[in-house]
Amino acid sequence: MEQLAQLHQFGDIALFILRVGVAAVFMVHGMWKIENGKQMAESMEMPGSGWFFSALGVAEFFGSLALLSGFLTQIAAAGLAIIMLGAIYLKAFKWNVKFTAHDKTGWEFDLVTLASCVAIFILGAGKIALDNTIFGLF
């Protein structure tokens, strides 16, 4: 166990890796929503909401840039967590999608993404971040 405890010294690297992974997910999904907001709204039987999905994509894309660079990280993580709460709500309660579904995407991925955003919100960006350089948070 002592050897495992020594890994704590790499906490800032672990936070950076977590930020990069979460940022990649939101960047890809955000770009897709920006380009295909109208089609996404129509496929979800929410006509006229294309602008909303495009705006959501912009928020996801810029939130991912904030996580990636570590700039205003906790604010970005909070915003992205709220987006994931909305996604989980839609899937679980509006569309009655199961936690894991074999014929469609369940909401297990959304839950892991939400948990990651909450962890980043609580822990902050770590030392490998613009927040540290600009604001001296660590």
C-alpha atoms as a PDB file:
ATOM      1  CA  MET A   1       0.000   0.000   0.000  1.00  0.00           C
ATOM      2  CA  GLU A   2       2.903   2.342   0.617  1.00  0.00           C
ATOM      3  CA  GLN A   3       3.877   2.090  -3.053  1.00  0.00           C
ATOM      4  CA  LEU A   4       0.357   3.073  -4.100  1.00  0.00           C
ATOM      5  CA  ALA A   5       0.388   6.025  -1.720  1.00  0.00           C
ATOM      6  CA  GLN A   6       3.456   7.324  -3.546  1.00  0.00           C
ATOM      7  CA  LEU A   7       1.308   7.832  -6.629  1.00  0.00           C
ATOM      8  CA  HIS A   8      -0.352  10.818  -4.908  1.00  0.00           C
ATOM      9  CA  GLN A   9       2.604  12.929  -5.963  1.00  0.00           C
ATOM     10  CA  PHE A  10       1.298  12.642  -9.524  1.00  0.00           C
ATOM     11  CA  GLY A  11      -2.106  14.139  -8.675  1.00  0.00           C
ATOM     12  CA  ASP A  12      -1.604  17.178 -10.899  1.00  0.00           C
ATOM     13  CA  ILE A  13      -0.735  14.953 -13.842  1.00  0.00           C
ATOM     14  CA  ALA A  14      -3.823  12.842 -13.129  1.00  0.00           C
ATOM     15  CA  LEU A  15      -6.019  15.958 -13.098  1.00  0.00           C
ATOM     16  CA  PHE A  16      -4.499  17.068 -16.401  1.00  0.00           C
ATOM     17  CA  ILE A  17      -5.205  13.654 -17.941  1.00  0.00           C
ATOM     18  CA  LEU A  18      -8.790  13.763 -16.649  1.00  0.00           C
ATOM     19  CA  ARG A  19      -9.274  17.274 -18.037  1.00  0.00           C
ATOM     20  CA  VAL A  20      -7.913  16.265 -21.452  1.00  0.00           C
ATOM     21  CA  GLY A  21     -10.188  13.211 -21.623  1.00  0.00           C
ATOM     22  CA  VAL A  22     -13.328  15.089 -20.625  1.00  0.00           C
ATOM     23  CA  ALA A  23     -12.413  17.985 -22.939  1.00  0.00           C
ATOM     24  CA  ALA A  24     -12.028  15.597 -25.884  1.00  0.00           C
ATOM     25  CA  VAL A  25     -15.509  14.182 -25.318  1.00  0.00           C
ATOM     26  CA  PHE A  26     -17.168  17.589 -25.073  1.00  0.00           C
ATOM     27  CA  MET A  27     -15.191  19.005 -27.992  1.00  0.00           C
ATOM     28  CA  VAL A  28     -16.283  16.241 -30.366  1.00  0.00           C
ATOM     29  CA  HIS A  29     -19.896  16.269 -29.197  1.00  0.00           C
ATOM     30  CA  GLY A  30     -20.018  20.064 -29.191  1.00  0.00           C
ATOM     31  CA  MET A  31     -18.704  20.343 -32.752  1.00  0.00           C
ATOM     32  CA  TRP A  32     -21.241  17.756 -33.900  1.00  0.00           C
ATOM     33  CA  LYS A  33     -24.089  19.703 -32.275  1.00  0.00           C
ATOM     34  CA  ILE A  34     -22.907  22.970 -33.831  1.00  0.00           C
ATOM     35  CA  GLU A  35     -22.899  21.392 -37.288  1.00  0.00           C
ATOM     36  CA  ASN A  36     -26.020  19.229 -36.888  1.00  0.00           C
ATOM     37  CA  GLY A  37     -28.238  20.975 -34.322  1.00  0.00           C
ATOM     38  CA  LYS A  38     -31.277  21.027 -36.575  1.00  0.00           C
ATOM     39  CA  GLN A  39     -31.006  17.334 -37.495  1.00  0.00           C
ATOM     40  CA  MET A  40     -30.475  16.428 -33.838  1.00  0.00           C
ATOM     41  CA  ALA A  41     -33.617  18.323 -32.814  1.00  0.00           C
ATOM     42  CA  GLU A  42     -35.649  16.645 -35.548  1.00  0.00           C
ATOM     43  CA  SER A  43     -34.397  13.170 -34.624  1.00  0.00           C
ATOM     44  CA  MET A  44     -35.461  13.803 -31.027  1.00  0.00           C
ATOM     45  CA  GLU A  45     -38.856  15.020 -32.221  1.00  0.00           C
ATOM     46  CA  MET A  46     -38.129  18.527 -30.958  1.00  0.00           C
ATOM     47  CA  PRO A  47     -38.670  20.582 -34.123  1.00  0.00           C
ATOM     48  CA  GLY A  48     -37.676  24.212 -33.881  1.00  0.00           C
ATOM     49  CA  SER A  49     -35.029  23.451 -31.273  1.00  0.00           C
ATOM     50  CA  GLY A  50     -32.124  23.297 -33.700  1.00  0.00           C
ATOM     51  CA  TRP A  51     -30.850  26.655 -32.443  1.00  0.00           C
ATOM     52  CA  PHE A  52     -30.863  25.272 -28.877  1.00  0.00           C
ATOM     53  CA  PHE A  53     -28.718  22.269 -29.773  1.00  0.00           C
ATOM     54  CA  SER A  54     -26.355  24.473 -31.772  1.00  0.00           C
ATOM     55  CA  ALA A  55     -26.032  26.836 -28.780  1.00  0.00           C
ATOM     56  CA  LEU A  56     -25.483  23.839 -26.521  1.00  0.00           C
ATOM     57  CA  GLY A  57     -22.744  22.711 -28.893  1.00  0.00           C
ATOM     58  CA  VAL A  58     -21.051  26.110 -28.648  1.00  0.00           C
ATOM     59  CA  ALA A  59     -21.159  25.895 -24.831  1.00  0.00           C
ATOM     60  CA  GLU A  60     -19.731  22.371 -24.915  1.00  0.00           C
ATOM     61  CA  PHE A  61     -16.993  23.346 -27.369  1.00  0.00           C
ATOM     62  CA  PHE A  62     -15.832  26.404 -25.410  1.00  0.00           C
ATOM     63  CA  GLY A  63     -16.187  24.523 -22.127  1.00  0.00           C
ATOM     64  CA  SER A  64     -13.909  21.855 -23.546  1.00  0.00           C
ATOM     65  CA  LEU A  65     -11.327  24.505 -24.500  1.00  0.00           C
ATOM     66  CA  ALA A  66     -11.480  25.859 -20.946  1.00  0.00           C
ATOM     67  CA  LEU A  67     -10.907  22.380 -19.491  1.00  0.00           C
ATOM     68  CA  LEU A  68      -8.122  21.632 -21.936  1.00  0.00           C
ATOM     69  CA  SER A  69      -6.231  24.827 -21.190  1.00  0.00           C
ATOM     70  CA  GLY A  70      -7.137  24.874 -17.525  1.00  0.00           C
ATOM     71  CA  PHE A  71      -8.606  28.380 -17.787  1.00  0.00           C
ATOM     72  CA  LEU A  72     -11.612  29.116 -15.544  1.00  0.00           C
ATOM     73  CA  THR A  73     -11.673  25.368 -15.092  1.00  0.00           C
ATOM     74  CA  GLN A  74     -14.084  25.078 -12.202  1.00  0.00           C
ATOM     75  CA  ILE A  75     -16.624  27.378 -13.839  1.00  0.00           C
ATOM     76  CA  ALA A  76     -16.394  25.371 -17.072  1.00  0.00           C
ATOM     77  CA  ALA A  77     -16.700  22.079 -15.188  1.00  0.00           C
ATOM     78  CA  ALA A  78     -19.806  23.344 -13.378  1.00  0.00           C
ATOM     79  CA  GLY A  79     -21.421  24.398 -16.659  1.00  0.00           C
ATOM     80  CA  LEU A  80     -20.620  21.094 -18.330  1.00  0.00           C
ATOM     81  CA  ALA A  81     -21.949  19.209 -15.292  1.00  0.00           C
ATOM     82  CA  ILE A  82     -25.240  21.085 -15.643  1.00  0.00           C
ATOM     83  CA  ILE A  83     -25.386  20.062 -19.300  1.00  0.00           C
ATOM     84  CA  MET A  84     -24.850  16.436 -18.288  1.00  0.00           C
ATOM     85  CA  LEU A  85     -27.593  16.674 -15.649  1.00  0.00           C
ATOM     86  CA  GLY A  86     -29.911  17.801 -18.441  1.00  0.00           C
ATOM     87  CA  ALA A  87     -28.829  14.921 -20.659  1.00  0.00           C
ATOM     88  CA  ILE A  88     -29.399  12.393 -17.885  1.00  0.00           C
ATOM     89  CA  TYR A  89     -32.779  13.899 -17.072  1.00  0.00           C
ATOM     90  CA  LEU A  90     -33.910  13.658 -20.699  1.00  0.00           C
ATOM     91  CA  LYS A  91     -32.698  10.104 -21.140  1.00  0.00           C
ATOM     92  CA  ALA A  92     -33.786   8.671 -17.793  1.00  0.00           C
ATOM     93  CA  PHE A  93     -37.034  10.512 -17.108  1.00  0.00           C
ATOM     94  CA  LYS A  94     -38.390  11.911 -20.367  1.00  0.00           C
ATOM     95  CA  TRP A  95     -37.384   9.136 -22.760  1.00  0.00           C
ATOM     96  CA  ASN A  96     -37.291   6.309 -20.166  1.00  0.00           C
ATOM     97  CA  VAL A  97     -33.950   5.042 -21.433  1.00  0.00           C
ATOM     98  CA  LYS A  98     -32.432   2.438 -19.148  1.00  0.00           C
ATOM     99  CA  PHE A  99     -29.061   2.938 -17.465  1.00  0.00           C
ATOM    100  CA  THR A 100     -27.608   0.535 -20.010  1.00  0.00           C
ATOM    101  CA  ALA A 101     -29.508  -0.151 -23.188  1.00  0.00           C
ATOM    102  CA  HIS A 102     -28.493  -2.569 -25.918  1.00  0.00           C
ATOM    103  CA  ASP A 103     -30.536  -0.999 -28.688  1.00  0.00           C
ATOM    104  CA  LYS A 104     -29.507   2.627 -27.958  1.00  0.00           C
ATOM    105  CA  THR A 105     -27.142   4.606 -25.828  1.00  0.00           C
ATOM    106  CA  GLY A 106     -28.020   4.350 -22.171  1.00  0.00           C
ATOM    107  CA  TRP A 107     -27.143   7.075 -19.708  1.00  0.00           C
ATOM    108  CA  GLU A 108     -24.179   5.344 -18.053  1.00  0.00           C
ATOM    109  CA  PHE A 109     -21.711   7.330 -20.187  1.00  0.00           C
ATOM    110  CA  ASP A 110     -23.478  10.556 -19.227  1.00  0.00           C
ATOM    111  CA  LEU A 111     -23.173   9.642 -15.542  1.00  0.00           C
ATOM    112  CA  VAL A 112     -19.427   8.999 -15.810  1.00  0.00           C
ATOM    113  CA  THR A 113     -18.995  12.295 -17.657  1.00  0.00           C
ATOM    114  CA  LEU A 114     -21.036  14.087 -14.981  1.00  0.00           C
ATOM    115  CA  ALA A 115     -18.938  12.510 -12.212  1.00  0.00           C
ATOM    116  CA  SER A 116     -15.755  13.591 -13.986  1.00  0.00           C
ATOM    117  CA  CYS A 117     -17.007  17.170 -14.276  1.00  0.00           C
ATOM    118  CA  VAL A 118     -17.954  17.211 -10.591  1.00  0.00           C
ATOM    119  CA  ALA A 119     -14.505  15.893  -9.635  1.00  0.00           C
ATOM    120  CA  ILE A 120     -12.819  18.631 -11.696  1.00  0.00           C
ATOM    121  CA  PHE A 121     -15.154  21.222 -10.174  1.00  0.00           C
ATOM    122  CA  ILE A 122     -14.211  20.130  -6.638  1.00  0.00           C
ATOM    123  CA  LEU A 123     -10.485  19.569  -7.204  1.00  0.00           C
ATOM    124  CA  GLY A 124      -9.795  22.413  -9.603  1.00  0.00           C
ATOM    125  CA  ALA A 125      -7.392  22.260 -12.519  1.00  0.00           C
ATOM    126  CA  GLY A 126      -4.230  21.382 -10.635  1.00  0.00           C
ATOM    127  CA  LYS A 127      -0.803  22.898 -11.283  1.00  0.00           C
ATOM    128  CA  ILE A 128      -0.730  22.131 -15.005  1.00  0.00           C
ATOM    129  CA  ALA A 129      -3.208  24.851 -15.946  1.00  0.00           C
ATOM    130  CA  LEU A 130      -3.592  28.475 -16.914  1.00  0.00           C
ATOM    131  CA  ASP A 131      -5.610  28.970 -13.718  1.00  0.00           C
ATOM    132  CA  ASN A 132      -2.410  28.273 -11.799  1.00  0.00           C
ATOM    133  CA  THR A 133      -0.276  30.498 -14.025  1.00  0.00           C
ATOM    134  CA  ILE A 134      -2.699  33.441 -14.157  1.00  0.00           C
ATOM    135  CA  PHE A 135      -4.389  33.295 -10.760  1.00  0.00           C
ATOM    136  CA  GLY A 136      -1.797  31.361  -8.730  1.00  0.00           C
ATOM    137  CA  LEU A 137      -4.453  28.996  -7.413  1.00  0.00           C
ATOM    138  CA  PHE A 138      -1.940  26.278  -6.500  1.00  0.00           C
END
